[in-house]
Amino acid sequence: MSKTIVIADDFTKYTGLRYKSLTPGSSGEEFRDELLIPALEENDIVTIIFDGNIGEYVPSFLEECFGGLIRIKKYSFNEFEEKIQLVSKDTPDLIKSIIKYVKKETG
C-alpha cells in the first residue's frame, strides 16, 4: 500500500520549528511522530508533498522530521529512498536539504 501526505492539507500550511514545545501544532517533531511514522508503519511507500505551504520550511523543521526519523527508526539511506518519495515543485532545493539531513544521520 502507499499513502500520500500533503503537508499543507494534512498537517498545516504554516510549519513551525523543531519541537512541539516551541511551536505546538506545527513542529517537525509533531509531523514526524503523528503523521510520518504512522504512515510508514502502515504503508510500503509514503509520498510527501511540500507544495502549498505558506512561508518557508525552516531547517529545524526539516531536520527534525527527516534526520529525526532516521535517529528514531534507524533506517539506512537506501531504506529511506525506498520508502519515502519527496515532492516539491515549488522549491526543488528543499529536497536537496532533506537528503543532506538524512545522509548526515545515516553516515
N, C-alpha and C. Protein backbone atom coordinates (compact mmCIF):
# COMPACT_ATOMS: atom_id res chain seq x y z
N MET A 1 0.84 -1.18 0.00
CA MET A 1 0.00 0.00 0.00
C MET A 1 0.89 1.25 0.00
N SER A 2 0.29 2.33 -0.43
CA SER A 2 1.01 3.60 -0.41
C SER A 2 0.09 4.70 0.13
N LYS A 3 0.72 5.75 0.61
CA LYS A 3 -0.02 6.88 1.16
C LYS A 3 0.65 8.16 0.70
N THR A 4 -0.16 9.17 0.45
CA THR A 4 0.34 10.50 0.11
C THR A 4 -0.03 11.45 1.24
N ILE A 5 0.95 12.20 1.69
CA ILE A 5 0.72 13.24 2.70
C ILE A 5 1.03 14.59 2.04
N VAL A 6 0.04 15.45 2.01
CA VAL A 6 0.23 16.83 1.54
C VAL A 6 0.32 17.67 2.81
N ILE A 7 1.50 18.14 3.11
CA ILE A 7 1.71 18.82 4.39
C ILE A 7 0.74 19.97 4.59
N ALA A 8 0.53 20.79 3.56
CA ALA A 8 -0.36 21.95 3.68
C ALA A 8 -1.81 21.55 3.96
N ASP A 9 -2.23 20.39 3.48
CA ASP A 9 -3.61 19.94 3.68
C ASP A 9 -3.77 19.03 4.89
N ASP A 10 -2.81 18.15 5.09
CA ASP A 10 -2.94 17.11 6.11
C ASP A 10 -2.32 17.48 7.45
N PHE A 11 -1.50 18.53 7.48
CA PHE A 11 -0.84 18.92 8.72
C PHE A 11 -1.08 20.40 9.01
N THR A 12 -0.38 21.27 8.30
CA THR A 12 -0.57 22.71 8.47
C THR A 12 0.03 23.46 7.29
N LYS A 13 -0.54 24.60 6.96
CA LYS A 13 0.02 25.46 5.92
C LYS A 13 1.18 26.30 6.47
N TYR A 14 1.25 26.43 7.78
CA TYR A 14 2.26 27.25 8.44
C TYR A 14 3.15 26.37 9.32
N THR A 15 4.16 25.74 8.73
CA THR A 15 5.01 24.87 9.52
C THR A 15 5.88 25.69 10.46
N GLY A 16 6.19 25.07 11.59
CA GLY A 16 6.94 25.77 12.62
C GLY A 16 8.37 25.30 12.75
N LEU A 17 8.80 25.18 13.98
CA LEU A 17 10.18 24.87 14.30
C LEU A 17 10.34 23.39 14.64
N ARG A 18 11.44 23.04 15.25
CA ARG A 18 11.82 21.65 15.52
C ARG A 18 10.86 20.94 16.49
N TYR A 19 10.68 21.51 17.68
CA TYR A 19 10.00 20.81 18.76
C TYR A 19 8.59 21.31 19.01
N LYS A 20 7.76 20.41 19.49
CA LYS A 20 6.38 20.72 19.85
C LYS A 20 6.33 21.83 20.91
N SER A 21 7.28 21.80 21.83
CA SER A 21 7.30 22.81 22.89
C SER A 21 7.54 24.22 22.35
N LEU A 22 8.15 24.32 21.17
CA LEU A 22 8.44 25.63 20.57
C LEU A 22 7.30 26.14 19.69
N THR A 23 6.71 25.23 18.91
CA THR A 23 5.60 25.62 18.02
C THR A 23 4.56 24.50 18.00
N PRO A 24 3.73 24.44 19.06
CA PRO A 24 2.73 23.38 19.11
C PRO A 24 1.78 23.44 17.92
N GLY A 25 1.48 22.28 17.36
CA GLY A 25 0.56 22.19 16.23
C GLY A 25 1.21 22.34 14.87
N SER A 26 2.52 22.65 14.85
CA SER A 26 3.16 22.85 13.55
C SER A 26 4.64 22.44 13.53
N SER A 27 5.08 21.72 14.53
CA SER A 27 6.50 21.39 14.65
C SER A 27 6.90 20.17 13.81
N GLY A 28 8.19 20.10 13.51
CA GLY A 28 8.73 18.94 12.83
C GLY A 28 8.56 17.68 13.64
N GLU A 29 8.72 17.79 14.95
CA GLU A 29 8.54 16.66 15.85
C GLU A 29 7.12 16.09 15.74
N GLU A 30 6.12 16.96 15.75
CA GLU A 30 4.74 16.51 15.64
C GLU A 30 4.44 15.88 14.28
N PHE A 31 4.93 16.51 13.22
CA PHE A 31 4.71 15.94 11.89
C PHE A 31 5.29 14.54 11.82
N ARG A 32 6.53 14.39 12.28
CA ARG A 32 7.19 13.09 12.25
C ARG A 32 6.43 12.05 13.08
N ASP A 33 6.12 12.40 14.33
CA ASP A 33 5.53 11.44 15.26
C ASP A 33 4.06 11.14 14.98
N GLU A 34 3.30 12.14 14.56
CA GLU A 34 1.86 11.96 14.41
C GLU A 34 1.42 11.58 13.00
N LEU A 35 2.20 11.95 11.99
CA LEU A 35 1.81 11.63 10.61
C LEU A 35 2.80 10.70 9.91
N LEU A 36 4.07 11.08 9.92
CA LEU A 36 5.04 10.35 9.11
C LEU A 36 5.30 8.93 9.60
N ILE A 37 5.63 8.77 10.87
CA ILE A 37 5.92 7.43 11.37
C ILE A 37 4.71 6.50 11.25
N PRO A 38 3.50 6.91 11.66
CA PRO A 38 2.36 6.02 11.46
C PRO A 38 2.13 5.65 9.99
N ALA A 39 2.32 6.62 9.09
CA ALA A 39 2.15 6.33 7.66
C ALA A 39 3.17 5.30 7.19
N LEU A 40 4.42 5.43 7.65
CA LEU A 40 5.47 4.49 7.26
C LEU A 40 5.22 3.10 7.83
N GLU A 41 4.65 3.04 9.01
CA GLU A 41 4.37 1.74 9.63
C GLU A 41 3.22 1.01 8.95
N GLU A 42 2.31 1.76 8.33
CA GLU A 42 1.13 1.16 7.71
C GLU A 42 1.23 1.01 6.20
N ASN A 43 2.28 1.56 5.58
CA ASN A 43 2.38 1.57 4.12
C ASN A 43 3.79 1.23 3.67
N ASP A 44 3.88 0.71 2.45
CA ASP A 44 5.18 0.39 1.88
C ASP A 44 5.89 1.65 1.38
N ILE A 45 5.13 2.58 0.83
CA ILE A 45 5.69 3.82 0.28
C ILE A 45 4.85 4.99 0.77
N VAL A 46 5.54 6.04 1.18
CA VAL A 46 4.86 7.27 1.58
C VAL A 46 5.40 8.41 0.73
N THR A 47 4.50 9.10 0.06
CA THR A 47 4.85 10.28 -0.73
C THR A 47 4.50 11.51 0.08
N ILE A 48 5.45 12.42 0.18
CA ILE A 48 5.24 13.65 0.94
C ILE A 48 5.32 14.82 -0.04
N ILE A 49 4.25 15.59 -0.09
CA ILE A 49 4.17 16.75 -0.98
C ILE A 49 4.31 18.01 -0.14
N PHE A 50 5.31 18.82 -0.47
CA PHE A 50 5.64 20.02 0.29
C PHE A 50 4.97 21.27 -0.26
N ASP A 51 4.44 21.23 -1.46
CA ASP A 51 3.85 22.41 -2.10
C ASP A 51 2.56 22.84 -1.41
N GLY A 52 2.28 24.14 -1.50
CA GLY A 52 1.05 24.69 -0.93
C GLY A 52 1.24 25.30 0.44
N ASN A 53 2.41 25.16 1.01
CA ASN A 53 2.69 25.73 2.32
C ASN A 53 2.81 27.25 2.21
N ILE A 54 2.44 27.95 3.26
CA ILE A 54 2.59 29.40 3.30
C ILE A 54 3.87 29.70 4.09
N GLY A 55 4.80 30.38 3.47
CA GLY A 55 6.08 30.64 4.09
C GLY A 55 7.06 29.53 3.77
N GLU A 56 8.24 29.63 4.34
CA GLU A 56 9.30 28.67 4.07
C GLU A 56 9.32 27.57 5.12
N TYR A 57 9.86 26.44 4.73
CA TYR A 57 10.15 25.37 5.68
C TYR A 57 11.49 25.70 6.32
N VAL A 58 11.51 25.87 7.62
CA VAL A 58 12.78 26.19 8.28
C VAL A 58 13.61 24.92 8.43
N PRO A 59 14.92 25.07 8.41
CA PRO A 59 15.79 23.90 8.51
C PRO A 59 15.52 23.03 9.74
N SER A 60 15.22 23.63 10.87
CA SER A 60 15.00 22.81 12.07
C SER A 60 13.76 21.93 11.93
N PHE A 61 12.72 22.42 11.25
CA PHE A 61 11.53 21.59 10.99
C PHE A 61 11.92 20.39 10.15
N LEU A 62 12.62 20.63 9.06
CA LEU A 62 13.01 19.57 8.13
C LEU A 62 13.97 18.57 8.77
N GLU A 63 14.95 19.08 9.51
CA GLU A 63 15.91 18.18 10.13
C GLU A 63 15.25 17.29 11.16
N GLU A 64 14.32 17.84 11.94
CA GLU A 64 13.65 17.02 12.96
C GLU A 64 12.73 16.00 12.32
N CYS A 65 12.06 16.38 11.25
CA CYS A 65 11.19 15.42 10.54
C CYS A 65 12.00 14.25 10.00
N PHE A 66 13.03 14.55 9.26
CA PHE A 66 13.72 13.52 8.48
C PHE A 66 15.02 13.02 9.11
N GLY A 67 15.84 13.92 9.61
CA GLY A 67 17.00 13.47 10.38
C GLY A 67 16.55 12.77 11.64
N GLY A 68 15.53 13.33 12.29
CA GLY A 68 14.96 12.71 13.49
C GLY A 68 14.35 11.35 13.19
N LEU A 69 13.73 11.23 12.04
CA LEU A 69 13.16 9.93 11.64
C LEU A 69 14.26 8.87 11.57
N ILE A 70 15.39 9.23 11.00
CA ILE A 70 16.49 8.29 10.88
C ILE A 70 17.04 7.95 12.27
N ARG A 71 17.14 8.93 13.15
CA ARG A 71 17.63 8.67 14.51
C ARG A 71 16.70 7.72 15.25
N ILE A 72 15.40 7.88 15.07
CA ILE A 72 14.42 7.06 15.79
C ILE A 72 14.25 5.68 15.15
N LYS A 73 14.05 5.65 13.85
CA LYS A 73 13.71 4.40 13.16
C LYS A 73 14.93 3.63 12.66
N LYS A 74 16.08 4.27 12.66
CA LYS A 74 17.33 3.61 12.26
C LYS A 74 17.29 3.08 10.82
N TYR A 75 16.69 3.84 9.92
CA TYR A 75 16.70 3.46 8.50
C TYR A 75 18.07 3.72 7.91
N SER A 76 18.45 2.92 6.93
CA SER A 76 19.62 3.23 6.12
C SER A 76 19.18 4.24 5.06
N PHE A 77 20.14 4.84 4.36
CA PHE A 77 19.78 5.78 3.31
C PHE A 77 18.98 5.08 2.22
N ASN A 78 19.36 3.85 1.86
CA ASN A 78 18.62 3.10 0.83
C ASN A 78 17.20 2.79 1.28
N GLU A 79 17.01 2.44 2.53
CA GLU A 79 15.66 2.18 3.04
C GLU A 79 14.83 3.46 3.00
N PHE A 80 15.43 4.58 3.35
CA PHE A 80 14.73 5.86 3.29
C PHE A 80 14.27 6.12 1.86
N GLU A 81 15.19 5.95 0.90
CA GLU A 81 14.85 6.19 -0.51
C GLU A 81 13.79 5.23 -1.02
N GLU A 82 13.77 4.00 -0.52
CA GLU A 82 12.77 3.03 -0.97
C GLU A 82 11.39 3.32 -0.40
N LYS A 83 11.32 3.84 0.81
CA LYS A 83 10.04 4.02 1.49
C LYS A 83 9.42 5.41 1.32
N ILE A 84 10.27 6.43 1.07
CA ILE A 84 9.77 7.81 1.07
C ILE A 84 10.05 8.49 -0.25
N GLN A 85 9.00 9.08 -0.83
CA GLN A 85 9.14 9.89 -2.03
C GLN A 85 8.85 11.33 -1.65
N LEU A 86 9.78 12.21 -1.96
CA LEU A 86 9.65 13.63 -1.62
C LEU A 86 9.32 14.42 -2.88
N VAL A 87 8.28 15.27 -2.81
CA VAL A 87 7.84 16.03 -3.98
C VAL A 87 7.75 17.51 -3.60
N SER A 88 8.45 18.34 -4.37
CA SER A 88 8.34 19.78 -4.19
C SER A 88 8.58 20.46 -5.54
N LYS A 89 7.52 20.83 -6.20
CA LYS A 89 7.64 21.56 -7.46
C LYS A 89 7.99 23.03 -7.21
N ASP A 90 7.51 23.56 -6.09
CA ASP A 90 7.73 24.98 -5.77
C ASP A 90 9.17 25.27 -5.39
N THR A 91 9.80 24.39 -4.63
CA THR A 91 11.16 24.61 -4.16
C THR A 91 11.97 23.32 -4.23
N PRO A 92 12.53 23.02 -5.39
CA PRO A 92 13.28 21.76 -5.56
C PRO A 92 14.51 21.67 -4.65
N ASP A 93 15.08 22.80 -4.23
CA ASP A 93 16.24 22.76 -3.33
C ASP A 93 15.87 22.18 -1.96
N LEU A 94 14.59 22.22 -1.64
CA LEU A 94 14.11 21.65 -0.39
C LEU A 94 14.47 20.17 -0.29
N ILE A 95 14.30 19.45 -1.37
CA ILE A 95 14.60 18.01 -1.40
C ILE A 95 16.09 17.80 -1.16
N LYS A 96 16.94 18.62 -1.74
CA LYS A 96 18.38 18.51 -1.53
C LYS A 96 18.73 18.70 -0.06
N SER A 97 18.07 19.63 0.60
CA SER A 97 18.32 19.85 2.03
C SER A 97 17.93 18.64 2.85
N ILE A 98 16.78 18.07 2.55
CA ILE A 98 16.31 16.89 3.29
C ILE A 98 17.28 15.73 3.10
N ILE A 99 17.71 15.51 1.88
CA ILE A 99 18.67 14.42 1.60
C ILE A 99 19.95 14.64 2.40
N LYS A 100 20.38 15.89 2.51
CA LYS A 100 21.58 16.20 3.30
C LYS A 100 21.39 15.81 4.76
N TYR A 101 20.23 16.10 5.34
CA TYR A 101 19.96 15.74 6.74
C TYR A 101 19.93 14.23 6.93
N VAL A 102 19.34 13.54 5.98
CA VAL A 102 19.26 12.08 6.07
C VAL A 102 20.65 11.45 5.93
N LYS A 103 21.41 11.92 4.97
CA LYS A 103 22.76 11.38 4.77
C LYS A 103 23.63 11.61 6.00
N LYS A 104 23.48 12.75 6.63
CA LYS A 104 24.26 13.04 7.83
C LYS A 104 23.96 12.02 8.92
N GLU A 105 22.69 11.63 9.07
CA GLU A 105 22.30 10.68 10.10
C GLU A 105 22.63 9.23 9.76
N THR A 106 22.67 8.93 8.48
CA THR A 106 22.95 7.54 8.08
C THR A 106 24.44 7.28 7.91
N GLY A 107 25.24 8.33 8.01
CA GLY A 107 26.68 8.17 7.95
C GLY A 107 27.16 8.01 6.58
